[in-house]
N, C-alpha and C. Protein backbone atom coordinates (compact mmCIF):
# COMPACT_ATOMS: atom_id res chain seq x y z
N UNK A 1 -32.75 -22.34 81.08
CA UNK A 1 -32.09 -23.08 80.32
C UNK A 1 -31.55 -24.26 79.76
N UNK A 2 -30.56 -23.85 80.13
CA UNK A 2 -29.38 -24.50 80.54
C UNK A 2 -29.73 -25.70 81.69
N UNK A 3 -30.33 -24.90 82.86
CA UNK A 3 -30.15 -26.28 83.75
C UNK A 3 -31.29 -27.61 83.20
N UNK A 4 -32.30 -27.05 82.45
CA UNK A 4 -33.67 -28.11 81.76
C UNK A 4 -32.62 -29.29 81.47
N UNK A 5 -31.44 -28.45 80.08
CA UNK A 5 -30.75 -29.73 79.41
C UNK A 5 -30.07 -30.25 79.99
N UNK A 6 -29.56 -29.70 81.27
CA UNK A 6 -28.15 -30.46 82.34
C UNK A 6 -29.41 -31.69 83.07
N UNK A 7 -30.87 -31.45 83.30
CA UNK A 7 -31.18 -32.19 84.45
C UNK A 7 -31.84 -33.19 83.38
N UNK A 8 -32.43 -32.85 81.97
CA UNK A 8 -33.15 -34.08 81.28
C UNK A 8 -31.87 -35.41 80.72
N UNK A 9 -30.22 -34.45 80.97
CA UNK A 9 -29.08 -35.38 80.50
C UNK A 9 -29.33 -36.19 81.91
N UNK A 10 -28.88 -35.40 82.73
CA UNK A 10 -28.92 -36.79 84.28
C UNK A 10 -30.48 -37.65 84.41
N UNK A 11 -31.18 -37.43 83.54
CA UNK A 11 -32.30 -37.78 84.10
C UNK A 11 -32.39 -39.22 82.48
N UNK A 12 -31.65 -38.60 81.54
CA UNK A 12 -31.14 -39.68 80.12
C UNK A 12 -30.19 -40.70 81.39
N UNK A 13 -29.25 -40.01 81.68
CA UNK A 13 -28.07 -41.28 82.56
C UNK A 13 -28.81 -42.41 83.20
N UNK A 14 -29.32 -41.39 84.03
CA UNK A 14 -30.17 -42.60 85.48
C UNK A 14 -30.94 -43.64 84.38
N UNK A 15 -31.68 -43.29 83.43
CA UNK A 15 -32.56 -44.48 83.09
C UNK A 15 -31.38 -45.17 82.01
N UNK A 16 -30.37 -44.43 81.24
CA UNK A 16 -29.58 -45.62 80.71
C UNK A 16 -28.88 -46.59 82.19
N UNK A 17 -28.68 -46.33 82.99
CA UNK A 17 -27.97 -47.50 83.93
C UNK A 17 -29.10 -47.93 84.13
N UNK A 18 -30.62 -48.24 84.58
CA UNK A 18 -31.92 -49.03 84.94
C UNK A 18 -32.23 -49.49 83.54
N UNK A 19 -31.71 -49.52 82.32
CA UNK A 19 -32.31 -50.21 81.17
C UNK A 19 -33.50 -49.58 80.73
N UNK A 20 -33.90 -48.12 80.79
CA UNK A 20 -35.47 -47.66 79.94
C UNK A 20 -34.61 -47.01 79.17
N UNK A 21 -34.68 -47.76 77.80
CA UNK A 21 -34.08 -47.04 76.53
C UNK A 21 -34.93 -45.65 76.12
N UNK A 22 -36.65 -46.34 76.09
CA UNK A 22 -37.29 -45.26 75.58
C UNK A 22 -37.04 -43.88 76.19
N UNK A 23 -36.86 -44.07 77.53
CA UNK A 23 -37.08 -43.13 78.36
C UNK A 23 -35.70 -42.52 77.96
N UNK A 24 -34.46 -42.93 78.12
CA UNK A 24 -33.72 -42.86 78.38
C UNK A 24 -33.03 -41.62 76.89
N UNK A 25 -33.03 -42.11 75.81
CA UNK A 25 -33.41 -42.21 74.40
C UNK A 25 -34.14 -40.43 74.42
N UNK A 26 -35.19 -40.46 75.38
CA UNK A 26 -36.35 -39.47 75.10
C UNK A 26 -35.64 -38.34 75.69
N UNK A 27 -35.43 -38.60 76.88
CA UNK A 27 -34.72 -37.58 77.32
C UNK A 27 -33.09 -36.73 77.45
N UNK A 28 -32.87 -37.58 76.79
CA UNK A 28 -31.42 -37.30 75.61
C UNK A 28 -31.74 -36.34 74.39
N UNK A 29 -32.76 -36.71 73.71
CA UNK A 29 -33.15 -36.32 72.90
C UNK A 29 -33.93 -34.48 73.44
N UNK A 30 -34.71 -34.52 74.15
CA UNK A 30 -35.06 -33.39 74.92
C UNK A 30 -33.92 -32.41 75.05
N UNK A 31 -32.83 -33.03 75.92
CA UNK A 31 -31.38 -32.31 76.81
C UNK A 31 -30.55 -32.07 75.24
N UNK A 32 -30.92 -32.53 74.62
CA UNK A 32 -30.01 -31.72 73.13
C UNK A 32 -30.39 -30.63 72.70
N UNK A 33 -32.14 -30.47 72.38
CA UNK A 33 -32.48 -29.64 72.15
C UNK A 33 -32.51 -28.11 72.85
N UNK A 34 -32.41 -28.75 73.45
CA UNK A 34 -32.77 -27.64 74.99
C UNK A 34 -31.05 -26.86 74.74
N UNK A 35 -30.17 -27.81 74.79
CA UNK A 35 -29.12 -27.10 74.18
C UNK A 35 -28.72 -26.35 73.44
N UNK A 36 -29.00 -26.89 72.16
CA UNK A 36 -28.97 -26.54 70.80
C UNK A 36 -30.02 -24.57 70.98
N UNK A 37 -30.92 -25.05 71.70
CA UNK A 37 -31.59 -23.76 71.95
C UNK A 37 -30.90 -22.69 72.60
N UNK A 38 -29.96 -23.04 74.13
CA UNK A 38 -29.71 -22.21 74.81
C UNK A 38 -28.55 -21.99 73.89
N UNK A 39 -27.72 -22.38 73.43
CA UNK A 39 -27.06 -22.36 72.05
C UNK A 39 -26.70 -21.32 71.43
N UNK A 40 -27.74 -20.89 70.28
CA UNK A 40 -28.68 -20.14 69.21
C UNK A 40 -28.73 -19.25 70.20
N UNK A 41 -29.54 -18.64 71.06
CA UNK A 41 -29.89 -17.46 72.10
C UNK A 41 -28.78 -16.55 72.61
N UNK A 42 -27.83 -17.65 72.76
CA UNK A 42 -26.49 -16.85 73.47
C UNK A 42 -25.66 -16.56 72.23
N UNK A 43 -25.39 -17.64 71.48
CA UNK A 43 -25.14 -16.49 69.69
C UNK A 43 -25.56 -15.18 69.63
N UNK A 44 -26.91 -15.28 69.70
CA UNK A 44 -27.79 -14.58 69.40
C UNK A 44 -27.81 -12.59 70.19
N UNK A 45 -27.52 -12.99 71.75
CA UNK A 45 -27.20 -11.96 72.54
C UNK A 45 -26.51 -11.54 72.33
N UNK A 46 -24.95 -12.61 71.96
CA UNK A 46 -23.49 -12.29 71.91
C UNK A 46 -23.57 -11.16 70.60
N UNK A 47 -24.27 -11.37 69.02
CA UNK A 47 -24.01 -10.20 68.76
C UNK A 47 -24.32 -9.69 68.30
N UNK A 48 -25.92 -9.56 69.67
CA UNK A 48 -26.88 -7.97 69.26
C UNK A 48 -25.51 -7.17 70.19
N UNK A 49 -25.05 -7.70 71.42
CA UNK A 49 -24.42 -6.90 72.45
C UNK A 49 -23.32 -6.22 71.59
N UNK A 50 -22.60 -7.06 70.72
CA UNK A 50 -21.63 -6.76 69.78
C UNK A 50 -22.07 -5.20 68.68
N UNK A 51 -23.56 -5.62 68.32
CA UNK A 51 -23.81 -4.29 67.38
C UNK A 51 -23.72 -3.28 68.26
N UNK A 52 -24.42 -3.67 69.25
CA UNK A 52 -24.59 -1.74 69.79
C UNK A 52 -23.36 -1.45 70.61
N UNK A 53 -22.59 -1.91 70.86
CA UNK A 53 -21.25 -1.73 71.10
C UNK A 53 -21.18 -1.71 72.76
N UNK A 54 -21.59 -2.62 73.67
CA UNK A 54 -22.11 -3.11 74.48
C UNK A 54 -21.21 -3.87 74.94
N UNK A 55 -19.74 -3.45 76.48
CA UNK A 55 -18.86 -4.28 76.83
C UNK A 55 -19.77 -5.14 77.58
N UNK A 56 -19.06 -6.30 78.18
CA UNK A 56 -19.35 -6.85 78.97
C UNK A 56 -19.59 -6.06 80.71
N UNK A 57 -20.63 -6.57 80.92
CA UNK A 57 -20.53 -6.12 82.66
C UNK A 57 -19.86 -7.18 83.52
N UNK A 58 -19.02 -5.93 84.60
CA UNK A 58 -17.92 -6.31 85.48
C UNK A 58 -18.44 -6.28 86.65
């Protein structure tokens, strides 16, 4: 999911360079939403692993 957020961020940057304001803002909005979803899921996984007592896999 983080990969999708990065992809939409790159699309937003390229669209902004070429002057496509609507496309750039749309892609940036999607990238922002995906990033926050990824961040929330990451925190949920960290908390659930801490509650279960599992350590990180090395």
